[in-house]
Amino acid sequence: MAENSDFLKPAIPKFEGFYDHWAMLMESLLRSKEYWTLIEVGVTVAPPNATA
């Protein structure tokens, strides 16, 4: 099925030298996609010698 072209994909905010504004836009984008918890909590990475 073809994608509906009525919806616009959100643009990733480009950093143009105004950190406070960019950070606010990035946080809003990440919260809207429910990725903000990955930033706050972090991602657990297995040690190099881990086994499955």
PDB file of N, CA and C in Angstrom:
ATOM      1  N   MET A   1       0.846  -1.174   0.000  1.00  0.00           N
ATOM      2  CA  MET A   1       0.000   0.000   0.000  1.00  0.00           C
ATOM      3  C   MET A   1       0.894   1.241   0.000  1.00  0.00           C
ATOM      4  N   ALA A   2       0.549   2.212  -0.774  1.00  0.00           N
ATOM      5  CA  ALA A   2       1.343   3.435  -0.863  1.00  0.00           C
ATOM      6  C   ALA A   2       1.158   4.287   0.388  1.00  0.00           C
ATOM      7  N   GLU A   3       2.207   5.019   0.743  1.00  0.00           N
ATOM      8  CA  GLU A   3       2.118   5.900   1.911  1.00  0.00           C
ATOM      9  C   GLU A   3       1.219   7.086   1.596  1.00  0.00           C
ATOM     10  N   ASN A   4       0.530   7.549   2.624  1.00  0.00           N
ATOM     11  CA  ASN A   4      -0.331   8.712   2.475  1.00  0.00           C
ATOM     12  C   ASN A   4       0.538   9.955   2.488  1.00  0.00           C
ATOM     13  N   SER A   5       0.485  10.762   1.435  1.00  0.00           N
ATOM     14  CA  SER A   5       1.347  11.938   1.338  1.00  0.00           C
ATOM     15  C   SER A   5       0.770  13.148   2.059  1.00  0.00           C
ATOM     16  N   ASP A   6      -0.359  12.985   2.757  1.00  0.00           N
ATOM     17  CA  ASP A   6      -0.957  14.095   3.501  1.00  0.00           C
ATOM     18  C   ASP A   6      -0.189  14.408   4.781  1.00  0.00           C
ATOM     19  N   PHE A   7       0.616  13.480   5.254  1.00  0.00           N
ATOM     20  CA  PHE A   7       1.335  13.658   6.503  1.00  0.00           C
ATOM     21  C   PHE A   7       2.792  14.013   6.231  1.00  0.00           C
ATOM     22  N   LEU A   8       3.296  14.996   6.946  1.00  0.00           N
ATOM     23  CA  LEU A   8       4.697  15.390   6.823  1.00  0.00           C
ATOM     24  C   LEU A   8       5.514  14.718   7.909  1.00  0.00           C
ATOM     25  N   LYS A   9       6.685  14.242   7.551  1.00  0.00           N
ATOM     26  CA  LYS A   9       7.589  13.685   8.544  1.00  0.00           C
ATOM     27  C   LYS A   9       8.226  14.849   9.295  1.00  0.00           C
ATOM     28  N   PRO A  10       8.379  14.721  10.614  1.00  0.00           N
ATOM     29  CA  PRO A  10       9.008  15.817  11.353  1.00  0.00           C
ATOM     30  C   PRO A  10      10.473  15.963  10.953  1.00  0.00           C
ATOM     31  N   ALA A  11      10.899  17.187  10.786  1.00  0.00           N
ATOM     32  CA  ALA A  11      12.294  17.449  10.440  1.00  0.00           C
ATOM     33  C   ALA A  11      13.130  17.428  11.708  1.00  0.00           C
ATOM     34  N   ILE A  12      14.309  16.855  11.626  1.00  0.00           N
ATOM     35  CA  ILE A  12      15.223  16.849  12.767  1.00  0.00           C
ATOM     36  C   ILE A  12      15.813  18.245  12.878  1.00  0.00           C
ATOM     37  N   PRO A  13      15.705  18.871  14.058  1.00  0.00           N
ATOM     38  CA  PRO A  13      16.216  20.232  14.221  1.00  0.00           C
ATOM     39  C   PRO A  13      17.720  20.308  13.951  1.00  0.00           C
ATOM     40  N   LYS A  14      18.117  21.262  13.147  1.00  0.00           N
ATOM     41  CA  LYS A  14      19.520  21.474  12.811  1.00  0.00           C
ATOM     42  C   LYS A  14      20.123  22.472  13.792  1.00  0.00           C
ATOM     43  N   PHE A  15      21.283  22.142  14.330  1.00  0.00           N
ATOM     44  CA  PHE A  15      21.959  23.045  15.256  1.00  0.00           C
ATOM     45  C   PHE A  15      22.594  24.178  14.471  1.00  0.00           C
ATOM     46  N   GLU A  16      22.187  25.407  14.776  1.00  0.00           N
ATOM     47  CA  GLU A  16      22.693  26.571  14.054  1.00  0.00           C
ATOM     48  C   GLU A  16      23.335  27.586  14.991  1.00  0.00           C
ATOM     49  N   GLY A  17      23.839  27.111  16.131  1.00  0.00           N
ATOM     50  CA  GLY A  17      24.562  27.990  17.029  1.00  0.00           C
ATOM     51  C   GLY A  17      23.783  28.472  18.240  1.00  0.00           C
ATOM     52  N   PHE A  18      22.500  28.146  18.327  1.00  0.00           N
ATOM     53  CA  PHE A  18      21.677  28.547  19.472  1.00  0.00           C
ATOM     54  C   PHE A  18      21.314  27.292  20.255  1.00  0.00           C
ATOM     55  N   TYR A  19      22.215  26.893  21.165  1.00  0.00           N
ATOM     56  CA  TYR A  19      22.083  25.609  21.849  1.00  0.00           C
ATOM     57  C   TYR A  19      20.774  25.486  22.631  1.00  0.00           C
ATOM     58  N   ASP A  20      20.407  26.510  23.401  1.00  0.00           N
ATOM     59  CA  ASP A  20      19.202  26.412  24.234  1.00  0.00           C
ATOM     60  C   ASP A  20      17.966  26.138  23.390  1.00  0.00           C
ATOM     61  N   HIS A  21      17.850  26.819  22.275  1.00  0.00           N
ATOM     62  CA  HIS A  21      16.692  26.622  21.397  1.00  0.00           C
ATOM     63  C   HIS A  21      16.732  25.237  20.759  1.00  0.00           C
ATOM     64  N   TRP A  22      17.896  24.842  20.266  1.00  0.00           N
ATOM     65  CA  TRP A  22      18.043  23.527  19.648  1.00  0.00           C
ATOM     66  C   TRP A  22      17.743  22.411  20.649  1.00  0.00           C
ATOM     67  N   ALA A  23      18.252  22.550  21.878  1.00  0.00           N
ATOM     68  CA  ALA A  23      18.035  21.522  22.897  1.00  0.00           C
ATOM     69  C   ALA A  23      16.550  21.370  23.214  1.00  0.00           C
ATOM     70  N   MET A  24      15.834  22.484  23.274  1.00  0.00           N
ATOM     71  CA  MET A  24      14.396  22.445  23.527  1.00  0.00           C
ATOM     72  C   MET A  24      13.669  21.728  22.384  1.00  0.00           C
ATOM     73  N   LEU A  25      14.045  22.027  21.145  1.00  0.00           N
ATOM     74  CA  LEU A  25      13.418  21.374  19.994  1.00  0.00           C
ATOM     75  C   LEU A  25      13.720  19.878  19.974  1.00  0.00           C
ATOM     76  N   MET A  26      14.971  19.497  20.283  1.00  0.00           N
ATOM     77  CA  MET A  26      15.343  18.080  20.293  1.00  0.00           C
ATOM     78  C   MET A  26      14.603  17.324  21.388  1.00  0.00           C
ATOM     79  N   GLU A  27      14.506  17.935  22.568  1.00  0.00           N
ATOM     80  CA  GLU A  27      13.783  17.276  23.653  1.00  0.00           C
ATOM     81  C   GLU A  27      12.319  17.077  23.270  1.00  0.00           C
ATOM     82  N   SER A  28      11.709  18.066  22.668  1.00  0.00           N
ATOM     83  CA  SER A  28      10.311  17.947  22.242  1.00  0.00           C
ATOM     84  C   SER A  28      10.144  16.839  21.210  1.00  0.00           C
ATOM     85  N   LEU A  29      11.061  16.774  20.254  1.00  0.00           N
ATOM     86  CA  LEU A  29      10.989  15.725  19.232  1.00  0.00           C
ATOM     87  C   LEU A  29      11.136  14.347  19.860  1.00  0.00           C
ATOM     88  N   LEU A  30      12.131  14.185  20.737  1.00  0.00           N
ATOM     89  CA  LEU A  30      12.368  12.886  21.359  1.00  0.00           C
ATOM     90  C   LEU A  30      11.225  12.481  22.285  1.00  0.00           C
ATOM     91  N   ARG A  31      10.638  13.443  22.984  1.00  0.00           N
ATOM     92  CA  ARG A  31       9.486  13.120  23.835  1.00  0.00           C
ATOM     93  C   ARG A  31       8.289  12.697  22.984  1.00  0.00           C
ATOM     94  N   SER A  32       8.084  13.349  21.837  1.00  0.00           N
ATOM     95  CA  SER A  32       6.947  13.013  20.984  1.00  0.00           C
ATOM     96  C   SER A  32       7.077  11.608  20.412  1.00  0.00           C
ATOM     97  N   LYS A  33       8.297  11.136  20.228  1.00  0.00           N
ATOM     98  CA  LYS A  33       8.532   9.784  19.711  1.00  0.00           C
ATOM     99  C   LYS A  33       8.739   8.772  20.833  1.00  0.00           C
ATOM    100  N   GLU A  34       8.606   9.218  22.083  1.00  0.00           N
ATOM    101  CA  GLU A  34       8.756   8.390  23.279  1.00  0.00           C
ATOM    102  C   GLU A  34      10.162   7.792  23.391  1.00  0.00           C
ATOM    103  N   TYR A  35      11.190   8.549  22.968  1.00  0.00           N
ATOM    104  CA  TYR A  35      12.577   8.139  23.098  1.00  0.00           C
ATOM    105  C   TYR A  35      13.280   8.857  24.243  1.00  0.00           C
ATOM    106  N   TRP A  36      12.608   9.800  24.890  1.00  0.00           N
ATOM    107  CA  TRP A  36      13.270  10.620  25.898  1.00  0.00           C
ATOM    108  C   TRP A  36      13.768   9.793  27.082  1.00  0.00           C
ATOM    109  N   THR A  37      13.081   8.702  27.419  1.00  0.00           N
ATOM    110  CA  THR A  37      13.520   7.869  28.539  1.00  0.00           C
ATOM    111  C   THR A  37      14.889   7.251  28.255  1.00  0.00           C
ATOM    112  N   LEU A  38      15.210   7.016  26.985  1.00  0.00           N
ATOM    113  CA  LEU A  38      16.535   6.496  26.652  1.00  0.00           C
ATOM    114  C   LEU A  38      17.612   7.518  26.977  1.00  0.00           C
ATOM    115  N   ILE A  39      17.302   8.787  26.852  1.00  0.00           N
ATOM    116  CA  ILE A  39      18.250   9.846  27.162  1.00  0.00           C
ATOM    117  C   ILE A  39      18.412   9.973  28.676  1.00  0.00           C
ATOM    118  N   GLU A  40      17.285   9.954  29.393  1.00  0.00           N
ATOM    119  CA  GLU A  40      17.331  10.136  30.849  1.00  0.00           C
ATOM    120  C   GLU A  40      17.962   8.940  31.556  1.00  0.00           C
ATOM    121  N   VAL A  41      17.565   7.735  31.175  1.00  0.00           N
ATOM    122  CA  VAL A  41      18.001   6.523  31.863  1.00  0.00           C
ATOM    123  C   VAL A  41      19.281   5.969  31.253  1.00  0.00           C
ATOM    124  N   GLY A  42      19.379   6.010  29.948  1.00  0.00           N
ATOM    125  CA  GLY A  42      20.530   5.442  29.247  1.00  0.00           C
ATOM    126  C   GLY A  42      20.217   4.052  28.735  1.00  0.00           C
ATOM    127  N   VAL A  43      21.111   3.525  27.958  1.00  0.00           N
ATOM    128  CA  VAL A  43      20.952   2.207  27.371  1.00  0.00           C
ATOM    129  C   VAL A  43      21.990   1.288  27.996  1.00  0.00           C
ATOM    130  N   THR A  44      21.569   0.105  28.431  1.00  0.00           N
ATOM    131  CA  THR A  44      22.480  -0.851  29.019  1.00  0.00           C
ATOM    132  C   THR A  44      23.238  -1.572  27.903  1.00  0.00           C
ATOM    133  N   VAL A  45      24.553  -1.521  27.989  1.00  0.00           N
ATOM    134  CA  VAL A  45      25.403  -2.169  26.981  1.00  0.00           C
ATOM    135  C   VAL A  45      26.092  -3.350  27.648  1.00  0.00           C
ATOM    136  N   ALA A  46      26.025  -4.485  26.984  1.00  0.00           N
ATOM    137  CA  ALA A  46      26.657  -5.690  27.511  1.00  0.00           C
ATOM    138  C   ALA A  46      28.177  -5.546  27.437  1.00  0.00           C
ATOM    139  N   PRO A  47      28.903  -6.111  28.405  1.00  0.00           N
ATOM    140  CA  PRO A  47      30.369  -6.078  28.345  1.00  0.00           C
ATOM    141  C   PRO A  47      30.876  -6.892  27.143  1.00  0.00           C
ATOM    142  N   PRO A  48      32.080  -6.620  26.668  1.00  0.00           N
ATOM    143  CA  PRO A  48      32.590  -7.306  25.465  1.00  0.00           C
ATOM    144  C   PRO A  48      32.658  -8.820  25.592  1.00  0.00           C
ATOM    145  N   ASN A  49      32.821  -9.364  26.800  1.00  0.00           N
ATOM    146  CA  ASN A  49      32.943 -10.815  26.957  1.00  0.00           C
ATOM    147  C   ASN A  49      31.624 -11.484  27.350  1.00  0.00           C
ATOM    148  N   ALA A  50      30.499 -10.823  27.142  1.00  0.00           N
ATOM    149  CA  ALA A  50      29.195 -11.378  27.516  1.00  0.00           C
ATOM    150  C   ALA A  50      28.800 -12.492  26.544  1.00  0.00           C
ATOM    151  N   THR A  51      28.020 -13.443  27.064  1.00  0.00           N
ATOM    152  CA  THR A  51      27.503 -14.537  26.231  1.00  0.00           C
ATOM    153  C   THR A  51      25.986 -14.422  26.173  1.00  0.00           C
ATOM    154  N   ALA A  52      25.418 -14.995  25.142  1.00  0.00           N
ATOM    155  CA  ALA A  52      23.965 -14.923  24.968  1.00  0.00           C
ATOM    156  C   ALA A  52      23.222 -15.759  25.915  1.00  0.00           C
TER     157      ALA A  52
END
